[in-house]
Amino acid sequence: MQDEVRDKIMQYQQMQEGLQYFMIQEQQLKSKISESEEALKKIENYNEGKIYAIVGRIMVETKKDETIAKLKEDKDIAEVRLKSMERQEAKLKEGITKLGTELQTFLQQAQPTQGGN
């Protein structure tokens, strides 16, 4: 039984680490979406001169409509990934809760009963 509890504790810790990873990734995607939205607002209202985009390590001139399309595509992709990650995160949280409950039950059963003799 101790091996089973030890395995469940390890699994619980791995799931917690996985949840932390998801939360970091989720925050990065939210930042990317926010940046894309801000850039779209600025470019859509920009009517003065040329537009440049950074490609790798260089800056190149680009067309406004192409830049808008690329930003929208990047934003859409990030939103799809975010929704997928949110679903996976919900499943992981559910698993963590279930496993936590199992561990509490094991630990309560393992504790010696306290009371009067």
Protein backbone atom coordinates (compact mmCIF):
# COMPACT_ATOMS: atom_id res chain seq x y z
CA MET A 1 0.00 0.00 0.00
CA GLN A 2 2.90 2.36 0.72
CA ASP A 3 4.18 1.92 -2.82
CA GLU A 4 0.75 2.80 -4.18
CA VAL A 5 0.60 5.96 -2.04
CA ARG A 6 4.13 6.92 -3.04
CA ASP A 7 3.25 6.46 -6.72
CA LYS A 8 0.11 8.58 -6.30
CA ILE A 9 2.09 11.31 -4.56
CA MET A 10 4.60 11.35 -7.40
CA GLN A 11 1.77 11.44 -9.94
CA TYR A 12 0.13 14.29 -8.01
CA GLN A 13 3.38 16.28 -8.02
CA GLN A 14 3.84 15.70 -11.76
CA MET A 15 0.29 16.87 -12.41
CA GLN A 16 0.91 20.00 -10.33
CA GLU A 17 4.04 20.73 -12.38
CA GLY A 18 2.06 20.16 -15.56
CA LEU A 19 -0.56 22.62 -14.36
CA GLN A 20 2.14 25.23 -13.70
CA TYR A 21 3.45 24.69 -17.24
CA PHE A 22 -0.05 25.15 -18.67
CA MET A 23 -0.53 28.35 -16.70
CA ILE A 24 2.74 29.78 -18.01
CA GLN A 25 1.85 28.82 -21.58
CA GLU A 26 -1.63 30.26 -21.14
CA GLN A 27 -0.20 33.58 -19.97
CA GLN A 28 2.18 33.70 -22.94
CA LEU A 29 -0.69 33.07 -25.37
CA LYS A 30 -2.82 35.75 -23.72
CA SER A 31 0.08 38.19 -24.07
CA LYS A 32 0.49 37.29 -27.74
CA ILE A 33 -3.23 37.81 -28.36
CA SER A 34 -3.15 41.16 -26.57
CA GLU A 35 -0.08 42.29 -28.53
CA SER A 36 -1.71 41.26 -31.81
CA GLU A 37 -4.90 43.14 -30.95
CA GLU A 38 -2.93 46.27 -30.05
CA ALA A 39 -0.86 46.10 -33.25
CA LEU A 40 -4.03 45.59 -35.31
CA LYS A 41 -5.64 48.69 -33.80
CA LYS A 42 -2.58 50.78 -34.54
CA ILE A 43 -2.09 49.53 -38.08
CA GLU A 44 -5.77 49.74 -39.05
CA ASN A 45 -5.80 53.41 -38.01
CA TYR A 46 -2.40 54.18 -39.55
CA ASN A 47 -2.53 55.98 -42.89
CA GLU A 48 0.79 57.76 -42.98
CA GLY A 49 3.65 56.38 -44.98
CA LYS A 50 5.16 52.95 -45.07
CA ILE A 51 4.71 49.97 -42.77
CA TYR A 52 7.60 47.77 -41.72
CA ALA A 53 7.68 44.30 -40.21
CA ILE A 54 10.48 42.47 -38.47
CA VAL A 55 11.42 39.27 -40.25
CA GLY A 56 14.05 37.33 -38.39
CA ARG A 57 16.75 39.86 -37.61
CA ILE A 58 15.86 42.42 -40.26
CA MET A 59 13.12 44.95 -40.83
CA VAL A 60 11.41 44.93 -44.21
CA GLU A 61 8.79 47.11 -45.82
CA THR A 62 5.41 45.41 -46.08
CA LYS A 63 1.93 46.15 -47.33
CA LYS A 64 -0.68 47.24 -44.82
CA ASP A 65 -3.26 44.64 -45.88
CA GLU A 66 -0.71 41.82 -45.76
CA THR A 67 0.38 42.87 -42.29
CA ILE A 68 -3.20 43.05 -41.06
CA ALA A 69 -3.95 39.60 -42.51
CA LYS A 70 -0.83 38.13 -40.87
CA LEU A 71 -1.66 39.66 -37.49
CA LYS A 72 -5.23 38.39 -37.65
CA GLU A 73 -4.01 34.91 -38.59
CA ASP A 74 -1.49 34.88 -35.73
CA LYS A 75 -4.17 36.07 -33.31
CA ASP A 76 -6.65 33.42 -34.50
CA ILE A 77 -4.07 30.66 -34.14
CA ALA A 78 -3.17 31.82 -30.63
CA GLU A 79 -6.87 31.91 -29.64
CA VAL A 80 -7.41 28.35 -30.89
CA ARG A 81 -4.35 27.16 -28.98
CA LEU A 82 -5.53 29.01 -25.89
CA LYS A 83 -8.95 27.35 -25.98
CA SER A 84 -7.33 23.96 -26.42
CA MET A 85 -4.99 24.59 -23.51
CA GLU A 86 -7.88 25.76 -21.34
CA ARG A 87 -9.71 22.48 -22.00
CA GLN A 88 -6.59 20.46 -21.20
CA GLU A 89 -6.01 22.55 -18.10
CA ALA A 90 -9.56 21.91 -16.89
CA LYS A 91 -9.07 18.15 -17.31
CA LEU A 92 -5.77 18.34 -15.48
CA LYS A 93 -7.33 20.29 -12.60
CA GLU A 94 -10.09 17.70 -12.40
CA GLY A 95 -7.49 14.93 -12.24
CA ILE A 96 -5.52 16.78 -9.57
CA THR A 97 -8.65 17.21 -7.45
CA LYS A 98 -9.58 13.54 -7.81
CA LEU A 99 -6.07 12.37 -7.00
CA GLY A 100 -5.85 14.78 -4.06
CA THR A 101 -9.06 13.32 -2.64
CA GLU A 102 -7.68 9.79 -3.06
CA LEU A 103 -4.47 10.77 -1.29
CA GLN A 104 -6.36 12.34 1.60
CA THR A 105 -8.37 9.14 1.98
CA PHE A 106 -5.21 7.01 1.99
CA LEU A 107 -3.52 9.28 4.51
CA GLN A 108 -6.54 9.36 6.81
CA GLN A 109 -6.73 5.58 6.75
CA ALA A 110 -3.03 5.33 7.49
CA GLN A 111 -3.20 7.56 10.57
CA PRO A 112 -3.59 5.71 13.85
CA THR A 113 -6.96 6.33 15.39
CA GLN A 114 -6.90 8.72 18.28
CA GLY A 115 -9.29 8.28 21.13
CA GLY A 116 -9.80 6.81 24.53
CA ASN A 117 -8.57 3.40 25.57
